[in-house]
C-alpha atoms as a PDB file:
ATOM      1  CA  UNK A   1     -30.643 -20.985  34.268  1.00  0.00           C
ATOM      2  CA  UNK A   2     -27.386 -19.068  34.269  1.00  0.00           C
ATOM      3  CA  UNK A   3     -26.441 -17.416  37.524  1.00  0.00           C
ATOM      4  CA  UNK A   4     -26.783 -13.663  37.456  1.00  0.00           C
ATOM      5  CA  UNK A   5     -23.090 -13.126  38.143  1.00  0.00           C
ATOM      6  CA  UNK A   6     -22.128 -15.442  35.296  1.00  0.00           C
ATOM      7  CA  UNK A   7     -24.534 -13.703  32.938  1.00  0.00           C
ATOM      8  CA  UNK A   8     -23.009 -10.358  33.814  1.00  0.00           C
ATOM      9  CA  UNK A   9     -19.509 -11.756  33.333  1.00  0.00           C
ATOM     10  CA  UNK A  10     -20.241 -13.226  29.889  1.00  0.00           C
ATOM     11  CA  UNK A  11     -22.004 -10.088  28.669  1.00  0.00           C
ATOM     12  CA  UNK A  12     -19.275  -7.951  30.225  1.00  0.00           C
ATOM     13  CA  UNK A  13     -16.541  -9.926  28.467  1.00  0.00           C
ATOM     14  CA  UNK A  14     -18.212  -9.472  25.093  1.00  0.00           C
ATOM     15  CA  UNK A  15     -18.857  -5.755  25.550  1.00  0.00           C
ATOM     16  CA  UNK A  16     -15.363  -5.155  26.946  1.00  0.00           C
ATOM     17  CA  UNK A  17     -13.724  -6.963  24.033  1.00  0.00           C
ATOM     18  CA  UNK A  18     -15.743  -5.022  21.464  1.00  0.00           C
ATOM     19  CA  UNK A  19     -15.012  -1.675  23.143  1.00  0.00           C
ATOM     20  CA  UNK A  20     -11.357  -2.577  23.695  1.00  0.00           C
ATOM     21  CA  UNK A  21     -10.878  -3.614  20.073  1.00  0.00           C
ATOM     22  CA  UNK A  22     -12.677  -0.491  18.842  1.00  0.00           C
ATOM     23  CA  UNK A  23     -10.701   1.899  21.041  1.00  0.00           C
ATOM     24  CA  UNK A  24      -7.341   0.328  20.215  1.00  0.00           C
ATOM     25  CA  UNK A  25      -8.088   0.458  16.482  1.00  0.00           C
ATOM     26  CA  UNK A  26      -9.239   4.080  16.633  1.00  0.00           C
ATOM     27  CA  UNK A  27      -6.232   4.984  18.753  1.00  0.00           C
ATOM     28  CA  UNK A  28      -3.794   3.340  16.342  1.00  0.00           C
ATOM     29  CA  UNK A  29      -5.381   5.112  13.360  1.00  0.00           C
ATOM     30  CA  UNK A  30      -5.755   8.468  15.145  1.00  0.00           C
ATOM     31  CA  UNK A  31      -3.623  11.466  14.250  1.00  0.00           C
ATOM     32  CA  UNK A  32      -2.779  12.792  17.716  1.00  0.00           C
ATOM     33  CA  UNK A  33      -0.734  10.711  20.160  1.00  0.00           C
ATOM     34  CA  UNK A  34       1.589  13.556  21.098  1.00  0.00           C
ATOM     35  CA  UNK A  35       0.862  17.225  20.558  1.00  0.00           C
ATOM     36  CA  UNK A  36       2.581  20.485  21.367  1.00  0.00           C
ATOM     37  CA  UNK A  37       1.056  23.930  21.229  1.00  0.00           C
ATOM     38  CA  UNK A  38       4.537  25.446  21.473  1.00  0.00           C
ATOM     39  CA  UNK A  39       5.781  23.824  18.279  1.00  0.00           C
ATOM     40  CA  UNK A  40       2.315  23.569  16.693  1.00  0.00           C
ATOM     41  CA  UNK A  41       2.973  19.874  16.240  1.00  0.00           C
ATOM     42  CA  UNK A  42       1.023  16.611  16.324  1.00  0.00           C
ATOM     43  CA  UNK A  43       2.564  13.145  16.118  1.00  0.00           C
ATOM     44  CA  UNK A  44       0.756   9.851  15.766  1.00  0.00           C
ATOM     45  CA  UNK A  45       1.662   6.296  14.783  1.00  0.00           C
ATOM     46  CA  UNK A  46       0.776   6.913  11.153  1.00  0.00           C
ATOM     47  CA  UNK A  47       1.322  10.637  10.595  1.00  0.00           C
ATOM     48  CA  UNK A  48       3.360  13.648  11.612  1.00  0.00           C
ATOM     49  CA  UNK A  49       2.365  17.301  11.369  1.00  0.00           C
ATOM     50  CA  UNK A  50       4.348  20.387  12.282  1.00  0.00           C
ATOM     51  CA  UNK A  51       2.862  23.697  11.223  1.00  0.00           C
ATOM     52  CA  UNK A  52       2.050  23.334   7.531  1.00  0.00           C
ATOM     53  CA  UNK A  53       4.174  20.230   6.976  1.00  0.00           C
ATOM     54  CA  UNK A  54       2.305  16.905   6.933  1.00  0.00           C
ATOM     55  CA  UNK A  55       3.982  13.511   6.591  1.00  0.00           C
ATOM     56  CA  UNK A  56       2.090  10.223   6.247  1.00  0.00           C
ATOM     57  CA  UNK A  57       3.284   6.642   6.392  1.00  0.00           C
ATOM     58  CA  UNK A  58       4.046   5.165   3.004  1.00  0.00           C
ATOM     59  CA  UNK A  59       3.669   1.621   4.290  1.00  0.00           C
ATOM     60  CA  UNK A  60       2.672  -0.161   7.478  1.00  0.00           C
ATOM     61  CA  UNK A  61       6.123  -0.018   9.082  1.00  0.00           C
ATOM     62  CA  UNK A  62       7.826   3.150   7.935  1.00  0.00           C
ATOM     63  CA  UNK A  63       8.831   5.438  10.823  1.00  0.00           C
ATOM     64  CA  UNK A  64      11.960   4.347  12.699  1.00  0.00           C
ATOM     65  CA  UNK A  65      13.041   7.443  14.594  1.00  0.00           C
ATOM     66  CA  UNK A  66      10.991   6.973  17.761  1.00  0.00           C
ATOM     67  CA  UNK A  67      10.305   3.227  17.503  1.00  0.00           C
ATOM     68  CA  UNK A  68       6.674   3.904  16.673  1.00  0.00           C
ATOM     69  CA  UNK A  69       6.581   0.635  14.759  1.00  0.00           C
ATOM     70  CA  UNK A  70       6.974  -1.240  18.043  1.00  0.00           C
ATOM     71  CA  UNK A  71       3.845   0.419  19.423  1.00  0.00           C
ATOM     72  CA  UNK A  72       1.900  -0.339  16.270  1.00  0.00           C
ATOM     73  CA  UNK A  73       2.959  -3.998  16.336  1.00  0.00           C
ATOM     74  CA  UNK A  74       1.909  -4.347  19.975  1.00  0.00           C
ATOM     75  CA  UNK A  75      -1.516  -2.863  19.234  1.00  0.00           C
ATOM     76  CA  UNK A  76      -2.010  -5.110  16.191  1.00  0.00           C
ATOM     77  CA  UNK A  77      -1.177  -8.218  18.234  1.00  0.00           C
ATOM     78  CA  UNK A  78      -3.518  -7.060  21.012  1.00  0.00           C
ATOM     79  CA  UNK A  79      -6.354  -6.568  18.512  1.00  0.00           C
ATOM     80  CA  UNK A  80      -5.760 -10.003  16.965  1.00  0.00           C
ATOM     81  CA  UNK A  81      -6.026 -11.705  20.342  1.00  0.00           C
ATOM     82  CA  UNK A  82      -9.094  -9.610  21.196  1.00  0.00           C
ATOM     83  CA  UNK A  83     -10.789 -10.967  18.063  1.00  0.00           C
ATOM     84  CA  UNK A  84      -9.735 -14.523  18.948  1.00  0.00           C
ATOM     85  CA  UNK A  85     -11.061 -13.976  22.475  1.00  0.00           C
ATOM     86  CA  UNK A  86     -14.445 -12.873  21.126  1.00  0.00           C
ATOM     87  CA  UNK A  87     -14.622 -15.932  18.847  1.00  0.00           C
ATOM     88  CA  UNK A  88     -13.723 -18.147  21.812  1.00  0.00           C
ATOM     89  CA  UNK A  89     -16.454 -16.476  23.877  1.00  0.00           C
ATOM     90  CA  UNK A  90     -19.079 -17.190  21.210  1.00  0.00           C
ATOM     91  CA  UNK A  91     -17.939 -20.802  20.945  1.00  0.00           C
ATOM     92  CA  UNK A  92     -18.014 -21.123  24.728  1.00  0.00           C
ATOM     93  CA  UNK A  93     -21.603 -19.874  24.881  1.00  0.00           C
ATOM     94  CA  UNK A  94     -22.706 -22.283  22.148  1.00  0.00           C
ATOM     95  CA  UNK A  95     -20.856 -25.382  23.377  1.00  0.00           C
ATOM     96  CA  UNK A  96     -21.094 -25.201  27.138  1.00  0.00           C
ATOM     97  CA  UNK A  97     -23.200 -28.281  27.894  1.00  0.00           C
ATOM     98  CA  UNK A  98     -20.247 -30.495  28.818  1.00  0.00           C
ATOM     99  CA  UNK A  99     -18.043 -29.856  31.824  1.00  0.00           C
ATOM    100  CA  UNK A 100     -14.844 -30.559  29.888  1.00  0.00           C
ATOM    101  CA  UNK A 101     -15.847 -28.083  27.169  1.00  0.00           C
ATOM    102  CA  UNK A 102     -16.597 -25.360  29.710  1.00  0.00           C
ATOM    103  CA  UNK A 103     -13.356 -25.955  31.622  1.00  0.00           C
ATOM    104  CA  UNK A 104     -11.138 -25.962  28.547  1.00  0.00           C
ATOM    105  CA  UNK A 105     -13.050 -23.089  26.920  1.00  0.00           C
ATOM    106  CA  UNK A 106     -12.798 -20.780  29.910  1.00  0.00           C
ATOM    107  CA  UNK A 107      -9.112 -21.641  30.258  1.00  0.00           C
ATOM    108  CA  UNK A 108      -8.466 -20.702  26.629  1.00  0.00           C
ATOM    109  CA  UNK A 109     -10.562 -17.541  27.000  1.00  0.00           C
ATOM    110  CA  UNK A 110      -8.581 -16.460  30.069  1.00  0.00           C
ATOM    111  CA  UNK A 111      -5.285 -16.998  28.211  1.00  0.00           C
ATOM    112  CA  UNK A 112      -6.438 -15.108  25.101  1.00  0.00           C
ATOM    113  CA  UNK A 113      -7.813 -12.126  27.009  1.00  0.00           C
ATOM    114  CA  UNK A 114      -4.678 -12.052  29.172  1.00  0.00           C
ATOM    115  CA  UNK A 115      -2.411 -11.896  26.111  1.00  0.00           C
ATOM    116  CA  UNK A 116      -4.598  -9.208  24.531  1.00  0.00           C
ATOM    117  CA  UNK A 117      -4.514  -7.095  27.700  1.00  0.00           C
ATOM    118  CA  UNK A 118      -0.742  -7.534  28.132  1.00  0.00           C
ATOM    119  CA  UNK A 119       0.025  -6.383  24.598  1.00  0.00           C
ATOM    120  CA  UNK A 120      -2.501  -3.548  24.821  1.00  0.00           C
ATOM    121  CA  UNK A 121      -1.134  -2.129  28.072  1.00  0.00           C
ATOM    122  CA  UNK A 122       2.440  -2.688  26.850  1.00  0.00           C
ATOM    123  CA  UNK A 123       1.747  -0.550  23.786  1.00  0.00           C
ATOM    124  CA  UNK A 124       0.578   2.479  25.737  1.00  0.00           C
ATOM    125  CA  UNK A 125       3.244   2.090  28.427  1.00  0.00           C
ATOM    126  CA  UNK A 126       5.885   1.871  25.712  1.00  0.00           C
ATOM    127  CA  UNK A 127       4.527   5.097  24.260  1.00  0.00           C
ATOM    128  CA  UNK A 128       4.655   6.752  27.674  1.00  0.00           C
ATOM    129  CA  UNK A 129       8.176   5.671  28.653  1.00  0.00           C
ATOM    130  CA  UNK A 130      10.364   4.536  25.771  1.00  0.00           C
ATOM    131  CA  UNK A 131       9.660   7.010  22.975  1.00  0.00           C
ATOM    132  CA  UNK A 132      11.723  10.112  22.396  1.00  0.00           C
ATOM    133  CA  UNK A 133       8.911  12.467  23.371  1.00  0.00           C
ATOM    134  CA  UNK A 134       9.225  14.225  26.710  1.00  0.00           C
ATOM    135  CA  UNK A 135       5.939  14.884  28.466  1.00  0.00           C
ATOM    136  CA  UNK A 136       7.462  18.074  29.818  1.00  0.00           C
ATOM    137  CA  UNK A 137       7.121  19.591  26.367  1.00  0.00           C
ATOM    138  CA  UNK A 138       4.339  17.490  24.855  1.00  0.00           C
ATOM    139  CA  UNK A 139       0.767  16.735  25.840  1.00  0.00           C
ATOM    140  CA  UNK A 140      -1.366  13.633  25.467  1.00  0.00           C
ATOM    141  CA  UNK A 141      -3.403  13.647  22.302  1.00  0.00           C
ATOM    142  CA  UNK A 142      -6.856  12.106  21.984  1.00  0.00           C
ATOM    143  CA  UNK A 143      -5.486   9.041  20.182  1.00  0.00           C
ATOM    144  CA  UNK A 144      -3.278   7.827  23.028  1.00  0.00           C
ATOM    145  CA  UNK A 145      -6.097   8.477  25.511  1.00  0.00           C
ATOM    146  CA  UNK A 146      -8.385   6.319  23.351  1.00  0.00           C
ATOM    147  CA  UNK A 147      -5.705   3.614  23.202  1.00  0.00           C
ATOM    148  CA  UNK A 148      -5.394   3.726  27.006  1.00  0.00           C
ATOM    149  CA  UNK A 149      -9.164   3.249  27.238  1.00  0.00           C
ATOM    150  CA  UNK A 150      -8.968   0.235  24.917  1.00  0.00           C
ATOM    151  CA  UNK A 151      -6.180  -1.322  26.989  1.00  0.00           C
ATOM    152  CA  UNK A 152      -8.242  -0.880  30.171  1.00  0.00           C
ATOM    153  CA  UNK A 153     -11.239  -2.589  28.532  1.00  0.00           C
ATOM    154  CA  UNK A 154      -9.003  -5.524  27.535  1.00  0.00           C
ATOM    155  CA  UNK A 155      -7.841  -5.851  31.138  1.00  0.00           C
ATOM    156  CA  UNK A 156     -11.472  -5.736  32.268  1.00  0.00           C
ATOM    157  CA  UNK A 157     -12.316  -8.531  29.805  1.00  0.00           C
ATOM    158  CA  UNK A 158      -9.520 -10.644  31.311  1.00  0.00           C
ATOM    159  CA  UNK A 159     -10.742 -10.057  34.868  1.00  0.00           C
ATOM    160  CA  UNK A 160     -14.306 -10.978  33.896  1.00  0.00           C
ATOM    161  CA  UNK A 161     -12.977 -14.098  32.134  1.00  0.00           C
ATOM    162  CA  UNK A 162     -11.264 -15.142  35.359  1.00  0.00           C
ATOM    163  CA  UNK A 163     -14.549 -14.605  37.200  1.00  0.00           C
ATOM    164  CA  UNK A 164     -16.456 -16.701  34.639  1.00  0.00           C
ATOM    165  CA  UNK A 165     -13.892 -19.482  34.919  1.00  0.00           C
ATOM    166  CA  UNK A 166     -14.079 -19.527  38.705  1.00  0.00           C
ATOM    167  CA  UNK A 167     -17.889 -19.430  38.762  1.00  0.00           C
ATOM    168  CA  UNK A 168     -18.165 -22.858  37.211  1.00  0.00           C
ATOM    169  CA  UNK A 169     -20.173 -24.405  34.420  1.00  0.00           C
ATOM    170  CA  UNK A 170     -23.768 -23.142  34.135  1.00  0.00           C
ATOM    171  CA  UNK A 171     -26.628 -25.556  34.735  1.00  0.00           C
ATOM    172  CA  UNK A 172     -28.562 -26.108  31.540  1.00  0.00           C
ATOM    173  CA  UNK A 173     -32.229 -26.654  30.957  1.00  0.00           C
ATOM    174  CA  UNK A 174     -32.464 -30.298  29.914  1.00  0.00           C
ATOM    175  CA  UNK A 175     -35.075 -29.696  27.208  1.00  0.00           C
ATOM    176  CA  UNK A 176     -32.427 -27.871  25.196  1.00  0.00           C
ATOM    177  CA  UNK A 177     -29.744 -30.496  25.793  1.00  0.00           C
ATOM    178  CA  UNK A 178     -28.351 -32.428  22.835  1.00  0.00           C
ATOM    179  CA  UNK A 179     -27.259 -35.957  23.733  1.00  0.00           C
ATOM    180  CA  UNK A 180     -23.903 -36.549  22.076  1.00  0.00           C
ATOM    181  CA  UNK A 181     -24.424 -40.316  22.279  1.00  0.00           C
ATOM    182  CA  UNK A 182     -26.913 -39.995  19.428  1.00  0.00           C
ATOM    183  CA  UNK A 183     -23.984 -39.391  17.095  1.00  0.00           C
ATOM    184  CA  UNK A 184     -23.131 -43.098  17.092  1.00  0.00           C
ATOM    185  CA  UNK A 185     -26.609 -43.973  15.801  1.00  0.00           C
ATOM    186  CA  UNK A 186     -26.481 -41.480  12.929  1.00  0.00           C
ATOM    187  CA  UNK A 187     -25.399 -42.695   9.501  1.00  0.00           C
ATOM    188  CA  UNK A 188     -22.316 -41.194   7.936  1.00  0.00           C
ATOM    189  CA  UNK A 189     -24.174 -39.307   5.220  1.00  0.00           C
ATOM    190  CA  UNK A 190     -26.458 -37.674   7.809  1.00  0.00           C
ATOM    191  CA  UNK A 191     -23.839 -36.591  10.335  1.00  0.00           C
ATOM    192  CA  UNK A 192     -23.346 -33.172   8.731  1.00  0.00           C
ATOM    193  CA  UNK A 193     -27.066 -32.450   9.065  1.00  0.00           C
ATOM    194  CA  UNK A 194     -27.032 -33.793  12.637  1.00  0.00           C
ATOM    195  CA  UNK A 195     -24.137 -31.532  13.640  1.00  0.00           C
ATOM    196  CA  UNK A 196     -25.865 -28.545  12.041  1.00  0.00           C
ATOM    197  CA  UNK A 197     -29.082 -29.229  13.965  1.00  0.00           C
ATOM    198  CA  UNK A 198     -27.015 -29.723  17.111  1.00  0.00           C
ATOM    199  CA  UNK A 199     -25.395 -26.328  16.594  1.00  0.00           C
ATOM    200  CA  UNK A 200     -28.799 -24.675  16.127  1.00  0.00           C
ATOM    201  CA  UNK A 201     -30.068 -26.277  19.347  1.00  0.00           C
ATOM    202  CA  UNK A 202     -27.019 -24.961  21.208  1.00  0.00           C
ATOM    203  CA  UNK A 203     -27.547 -21.440  19.876  1.00  0.00           C
ATOM    204  CA  UNK A 204     -31.232 -21.652  20.802  1.00  0.00           C
ATOM    205  CA  UNK A 205     -30.270 -22.846  24.269  1.00  0.00           C
ATOM    206  CA  UNK A 206     -27.877 -19.945  24.725  1.00  0.00           C
ATOM    207  CA  UNK A 207     -30.482 -17.380  23.667  1.00  0.00           C
ATOM    208  CA  UNK A 208     -33.158 -18.858  25.927  1.00  0.00           C
ATOM    209  CA  UNK A 209     -30.820 -18.894  28.903  1.00  0.00           C
ATOM    210  CA  UNK A 210     -29.952 -15.231  28.447  1.00  0.00           C
ATOM    211  CA  UNK A 211     -33.625 -14.284  28.111  1.00  0.00           C
ATOM    212  CA  UNK A 212     -34.350 -15.667  31.584  1.00  0.00           C
END
């Protein structure tokens, strides 16, 4: 049975990645990164509004004045690695019966979540420091606050990944264990079916472990 701390870490990684990806995507698509009540203005990564004038991006990388493209690129890269991290997490939960698989899988997961968190926090820090907007005259809009939240969730996913890696491989219930040595006794035309059944057993094992 999985240790309670490891269960919490694995569930926490998944939830953090989903929330981080969601918040970063909403933040990137939001219409209010910087706002000013004085100028009646709102600026985002994809739009600009001042009074009655509204300007939208015509393509993905269009605005050049305040290097907003750099922020958008950083967020896109962070989201890509968040998706890869979630895929790695699912694979790790399904194929965790061998020590080598767990060790390599957690190592890859730590690297992916670290890259996602670095790019996510870099995007919002870049927006805070290196854009042409002065916070003396502008306020934080809801979009940049949402992006900050997403970056924090990505960092949390990385920290939980480190905890999962340091906890060690979970002990499995042997009745759900698939002996890989059976592969050698399976004929070539039946190996696809064998691997499929093996995958189903691993998924069943994962679900039963989390139910305990």
